[in-house]
Amino acid sequence: MTTRPIPLIAGNWKMNGLKAALDELTDIRDGLKAGGFGRAEGAICPPATLVAAAADLVKGSGLAIGGQDCHAKSAGAHTGDVSADMLKDAGATYVIVGHSERRTDHQDTSAQVKAKAEAALAAGLKAIVCIGESEAERRAGTTLKVVGQQMQESWPTGATPENLVIAYEPIWAIGTGLTPTIADVAEVHAFLRQEALRLAGPAGAGVRLLYGGSVKPSNAAELMGVPDVDGALVGGASLKAADFLGIAAAYK
C-alpha cells in the first residue's frame, strides 16, 4: 500500500497585501502552532514586498513562506523581475510558477515555466508548478490532454517529491465561486498521478498534487478527501486567517 504524501495547504495572496496584512499572517502562524493544520503543512505566498518580513514573522513556527513567481535567470539585466536566489535570500522556501494568471497575463509558456521551476530547484526552493484548463477546453472535452501536456512540458529536470509540487487549478474555477464536481476532480487527479509516475517513475507517487480553484471552508473537507488530492492552493480565501484556517481544518 502506497503511503500518501504529507498534505500541503498553500495560500497565494496574489497582488494583495500591505504591511498591515501581516496581522492575518500572525493569526495563521498561531493557528498552525496550535495544531490547526492537523497532519498538513502550511505555506503562504505573499507579494514580493512582504516575503522577507513574512519569513521573519513565521521563523521557527513551521509555516513556510513562498514567492509567487521567479525569473529563470539567477541575476542580470531584468528590470522588475525577482530571481529564485533573491526569494531564497529573503527567507522563502517555495515559489509558485506557471499560475494561469502568469500564463495568461504574461504569456508564460510551459517551456518558460519549466525553466523557472529549474531555477527554483537550483536555488534550493520548492517549486509549485500550476496547470489547468480553460472553460472552452473543459467544454471541448480536452481537459486531460491539456493538463497532461502542460505537466509534461513544465516538469523540471531534477524534480523529486521533496522539491516539486503540482497544483491543478481549472482556470474557469479560479475566483469565480465555481468548482468542478468531485468526480471531475477525482478524474483529473488520478490522471495526474499516473502522469507523475510516468515522468518520475516510482518517485511520482510521492509528488504532492494540490487542487486549487474556489476552495473554501465549506467545500475543503470534501475536496481534500478525494484520492490523490494532497492539499490545496488557495487564492482569495487565504487572505483571511479564519477562512484559511477553516480550509486547513480539513486535515485535523
Protein backbone atom coordinates (compact mmCIF):
# COMPACT_ATOMS: atom_id res chain seq x y z
CA MET A 1 0.00 0.00 0.00
CA THR A 2 1.41 3.39 -1.05
CA THR A 3 1.71 5.98 1.70
CA ARG A 4 0.10 9.27 0.71
CA PRO A 5 2.30 12.37 0.73
CA ILE A 6 2.10 14.82 3.62
CA PRO A 7 -0.63 17.29 2.59
CA LEU A 8 0.15 20.93 1.90
CA ILE A 9 -2.22 23.87 2.28
CA ALA A 10 -0.65 26.80 0.42
CA GLY A 11 -2.04 30.31 0.17
CA ASN A 12 -1.47 32.61 -2.81
CA TRP A 13 -2.11 36.22 -1.85
CA LYS A 14 -1.58 37.39 -5.44
CA MET A 15 -1.24 41.21 -5.75
CA ASN A 16 -2.81 41.81 -2.36
CA GLY A 17 -1.36 42.78 0.99
CA LEU A 18 0.41 45.71 2.59
CA LYS A 19 2.29 45.59 5.89
CA ALA A 20 -0.99 45.53 7.80
CA ALA A 21 -1.77 42.15 6.22
CA LEU A 22 0.94 40.62 8.38
CA ASP A 23 -1.62 40.63 11.21
CA GLU A 24 -3.51 37.93 9.29
CA LEU A 25 -0.26 36.04 8.80
CA THR A 26 0.34 36.18 12.55
CA ASP A 27 -3.04 34.55 13.12
CA ILE A 28 -2.30 31.87 10.51
CA ARG A 29 1.06 31.20 12.13
CA ASP A 30 -0.51 30.90 15.55
CA GLY A 31 -3.24 28.66 14.20
CA LEU A 32 -0.66 26.29 12.76
CA LYS A 33 1.30 26.23 16.01
CA ALA A 34 -1.93 25.38 17.84
CA GLY A 35 -2.49 22.33 15.63
CA GLY A 36 -4.98 23.93 13.27
CA PHE A 37 -3.42 22.25 10.23
CA GLY A 38 -3.61 18.74 11.66
CA ARG A 39 -1.29 16.49 9.66
CA ALA A 40 -0.88 19.06 6.86
CA GLU A 41 1.94 21.51 6.26
CA GLY A 42 1.21 25.16 5.58
CA ALA A 43 2.66 27.86 3.33
CA ILE A 44 1.77 31.43 2.41
CA CYS A 45 2.98 33.15 -0.76
CA PRO A 46 2.62 36.91 -0.18
CA PRO A 47 3.62 39.64 -2.66
CA ALA A 48 7.38 40.01 -3.10
CA THR A 49 7.40 43.18 -0.99
CA LEU A 50 6.36 41.16 2.08
CA VAL A 51 8.41 37.98 1.64
CA ALA A 52 11.29 38.98 3.93
CA ALA A 53 9.05 40.42 6.66
CA ALA A 54 6.76 37.39 6.45
CA ALA A 55 9.69 34.98 6.71
CA ASP A 56 10.93 36.76 9.82
CA LEU A 57 7.46 36.70 11.35
CA VAL A 58 6.95 32.95 10.97
CA LYS A 59 10.53 31.84 11.70
CA GLY A 60 10.58 28.65 13.74
CA SER A 61 6.81 28.14 13.53
CA GLY A 62 6.71 25.55 10.76
CA LEU A 63 4.75 27.84 8.44
CA ALA A 64 6.60 28.26 5.15
CA ILE A 65 6.79 31.39 3.00
CA GLY A 66 6.97 31.42 -0.78
CA GLY A 67 7.17 33.72 -3.77
CA GLN A 68 4.54 33.99 -6.49
CA ASP A 69 6.90 33.83 -9.48
CA CYS A 70 10.59 33.98 -10.30
CA HIS A 71 12.82 34.67 -13.26
CA ALA A 72 14.61 31.79 -14.96
CA LYS A 73 17.96 33.54 -14.51
CA SER A 74 19.66 33.92 -11.15
CA ALA A 75 20.71 37.54 -11.84
CA GLY A 76 21.12 40.02 -14.66
CA ALA A 77 19.58 42.89 -16.59
CA HIS A 78 15.94 42.00 -15.98
CA THR A 79 14.36 45.14 -14.55
CA GLY A 80 11.43 44.48 -12.27
CA ASP A 81 11.97 40.74 -12.03
CA VAL A 82 12.80 38.68 -8.95
CA SER A 83 15.12 35.67 -9.06
CA ALA A 84 14.74 32.44 -7.16
CA ASP A 85 18.01 33.20 -5.38
CA MET A 86 16.58 36.53 -4.19
CA LEU A 87 13.50 34.78 -2.82
CA LYS A 88 15.67 32.22 -1.06
CA ASP A 89 17.82 35.00 0.38
CA ALA A 90 14.68 36.74 1.67
CA GLY A 91 13.64 33.62 3.55
CA ALA A 92 11.30 31.87 1.11
CA THR A 93 11.22 28.10 0.78
CA TYR A 94 8.60 27.83 -2.01
CA VAL A 95 7.82 29.62 -5.24
CA ILE A 96 4.75 29.35 -7.46
CA VAL A 97 5.44 29.12 -11.20
CA GLY A 98 3.06 28.76 -14.12
CA HIS A 99 -0.04 30.13 -12.42
CA SER A 100 -2.76 30.68 -15.01
CA GLU A 101 -2.61 34.42 -14.37
CA ARG A 102 1.05 34.37 -15.34
CA ARG A 103 0.40 32.13 -18.32
CA THR A 104 -2.43 34.43 -19.47
CA ASP A 105 -1.35 37.93 -18.41
CA HIS A 106 2.35 37.48 -19.13
CA GLN A 107 2.18 34.77 -21.80
CA ASP A 108 4.38 32.38 -19.81
CA THR A 109 4.80 29.21 -21.87
CA SER A 110 5.28 25.77 -20.38
CA ALA A 111 8.91 25.89 -21.55
CA GLN A 112 9.39 29.10 -19.57
CA VAL A 113 7.61 27.60 -16.58
CA LYS A 114 9.99 24.63 -16.71
CA ALA A 115 12.99 26.98 -16.80
CA LYS A 116 11.65 28.93 -13.83
CA ALA A 117 11.00 25.73 -11.90
CA GLU A 118 14.54 24.55 -12.61
CA ALA A 119 15.87 27.89 -11.39
CA ALA A 120 13.85 27.44 -8.20
CA LEU A 121 15.28 23.97 -7.63
CA ALA A 122 18.81 25.21 -8.31
CA ALA A 123 18.32 27.92 -5.67
CA GLY A 124 17.14 25.39 -3.11
CA LEU A 125 13.45 26.32 -3.31
CA LYS A 126 10.47 24.03 -3.74
CA ALA A 127 8.53 24.74 -6.93
CA ILE A 128 4.74 24.75 -7.04
CA VAL A 129 4.01 24.23 -10.75
CA CYS A 130 0.48 25.18 -11.76
CA ILE A 131 -1.51 23.62 -14.58
CA GLY A 132 -5.15 23.88 -15.62
CA GLU A 133 -7.62 24.08 -18.47
CA SER A 134 -9.84 26.93 -19.67
CA GLU A 135 -13.63 26.76 -19.73
CA ALA A 136 -13.54 26.30 -23.50
CA GLU A 137 -11.12 23.40 -23.17
CA ARG A 138 -13.28 21.82 -20.47
CA ARG A 139 -16.37 22.10 -22.69
CA ALA A 140 -14.44 20.66 -25.64
CA GLY A 141 -13.55 17.59 -23.57
CA THR A 142 -9.80 18.19 -23.83
CA THR A 143 -9.05 18.71 -20.13
CA LEU A 144 -6.81 15.67 -19.71
CA LYS A 145 -4.94 16.36 -22.93
CA VAL A 146 -4.32 19.98 -21.93
CA VAL A 147 -3.20 19.36 -18.35
CA GLY A 148 -1.14 16.35 -19.38
CA GLN A 149 0.75 18.39 -21.95
CA GLN A 150 1.26 21.28 -19.52
CA MET A 151 2.53 18.90 -16.86
CA GLN A 152 4.95 17.15 -19.19
CA GLU A 153 6.31 20.36 -20.69
CA SER A 154 6.58 22.15 -17.33
CA TRP A 155 8.16 19.26 -15.41
CA PRO A 156 11.62 20.39 -14.25
CA THR A 157 14.76 18.31 -14.58
CA GLY A 158 15.86 17.19 -11.13
CA ALA A 159 12.34 17.08 -9.69
CA THR A 160 11.76 14.96 -6.59
CA PRO A 161 8.85 14.59 -4.17
CA GLU A 162 10.79 16.89 -1.84
CA ASN A 163 11.18 19.82 -4.24
CA LEU A 164 8.20 19.67 -6.62
CA VAL A 165 4.50 20.24 -6.06
CA ILE A 166 1.93 20.16 -8.87
CA ALA A 167 -1.17 22.35 -8.46
CA TYR A 168 -4.18 21.64 -10.66
CA GLU A 169 -6.27 24.78 -10.99
CA PRO A 170 -9.05 24.76 -13.58
CA ILE A 171 -8.85 28.33 -14.88
CA TRP A 172 -12.61 28.74 -15.01
CA ALA A 173 -12.89 27.96 -11.28
CA ILE A 174 -10.32 30.49 -10.03
CA GLY A 175 -12.03 33.28 -8.12
CA THR A 176 -15.41 32.53 -9.68
CA GLY A 177 -17.02 30.55 -6.90
CA LEU A 178 -17.43 27.67 -9.36
CA THR A 179 -15.83 24.29 -8.71
CA PRO A 180 -15.68 21.09 -10.73
CA THR A 181 -17.69 18.16 -9.44
CA ILE A 182 -15.94 15.81 -7.06
CA ALA A 183 -15.94 13.23 -9.85
CA ASP A 184 -14.22 15.72 -12.17
CA VAL A 185 -11.53 16.47 -9.59
CA ALA A 186 -11.02 12.76 -8.93
CA GLU A 187 -10.66 12.03 -12.65
CA VAL A 188 -8.06 14.74 -13.21
CA HIS A 189 -6.02 13.95 -10.12
CA ALA A 190 -5.98 10.21 -10.88
CA PHE A 191 -4.72 11.08 -14.36
CA LEU A 192 -2.07 13.44 -12.95
CA ARG A 193 -0.84 10.74 -10.58
CA GLN A 194 -0.35 8.40 -13.49
CA GLU A 195 1.47 11.15 -15.38
CA ALA A 196 3.72 11.78 -12.37
CA LEU A 197 4.56 8.08 -12.25
CA ARG A 198 5.30 8.12 -15.96
CA LEU A 199 7.55 11.17 -15.67
CA ALA A 200 9.35 10.27 -12.44
CA GLY A 201 8.95 6.54 -12.01
CA PRO A 202 8.04 5.27 -8.52
CA ALA A 203 9.01 8.66 -7.04
CA GLY A 204 5.95 10.10 -8.77
CA ALA A 205 3.81 8.51 -6.08
CA GLY A 206 5.23 11.00 -3.58
CA VAL A 207 4.82 14.20 -5.59
CA ARG A 208 2.08 16.28 -3.99
CA LEU A 209 -0.88 17.10 -6.22
CA LEU A 210 -2.80 20.12 -4.94
CA TYR A 211 -6.25 21.23 -6.03
CA GLY A 212 -6.99 24.94 -6.44
CA GLY A 213 -9.99 26.89 -7.64
CA SER A 214 -12.57 28.42 -5.29
CA VAL A 215 -11.52 26.29 -2.33
CA LYS A 216 -13.28 27.47 0.84
CA PRO A 217 -14.01 26.14 4.32
CA SER A 218 -17.40 24.81 3.24
CA ASN A 219 -16.04 22.55 0.49
CA ALA A 220 -12.50 21.84 1.71
CA ALA A 221 -13.16 18.60 3.54
CA GLU A 222 -14.91 17.05 0.55
CA LEU A 223 -12.23 18.19 -1.91
CA MET A 224 -9.34 17.17 0.34
CA GLY A 225 -10.93 13.73 0.73
CA VAL A 226 -10.58 12.95 -2.98
CA PRO A 227 -7.91 10.30 -3.71
CA ASP A 228 -4.66 11.85 -4.99
CA VAL A 229 -5.63 15.33 -3.76
CA ASP A 230 -2.75 16.13 -1.43
CA GLY A 231 -3.83 19.57 -0.30
CA ALA A 232 -4.89 22.87 -1.79
CA LEU A 233 -3.54 26.00 -3.41
CA VAL A 234 -5.85 28.66 -2.04
CA GLY A 235 -6.37 32.11 -3.53
CA GLY A 236 -8.76 34.68 -2.06
CA ALA A 237 -9.64 32.58 0.98
CA SER A 238 -6.01 32.70 2.12
CA LEU A 239 -6.21 36.46 2.71
CA LYS A 240 -8.25 35.97 5.88
CA ALA A 241 -6.81 33.80 8.61
CA ALA A 242 -10.23 32.48 9.65
CA ASP A 243 -11.00 31.25 6.13
CA PHE A 244 -7.57 29.78 5.53
CA LEU A 245 -7.56 28.00 8.87
CA GLY A 246 -11.07 26.76 8.11
CA ILE A 247 -9.70 25.10 4.97
CA ALA A 248 -6.69 23.66 6.81
CA ALA A 249 -9.10 22.19 9.37
CA ALA A 250 -9.98 19.56 6.76
CA TYR A 251 -6.85 17.74 7.94
CA LYS A 252 -7.47 17.97 11.70
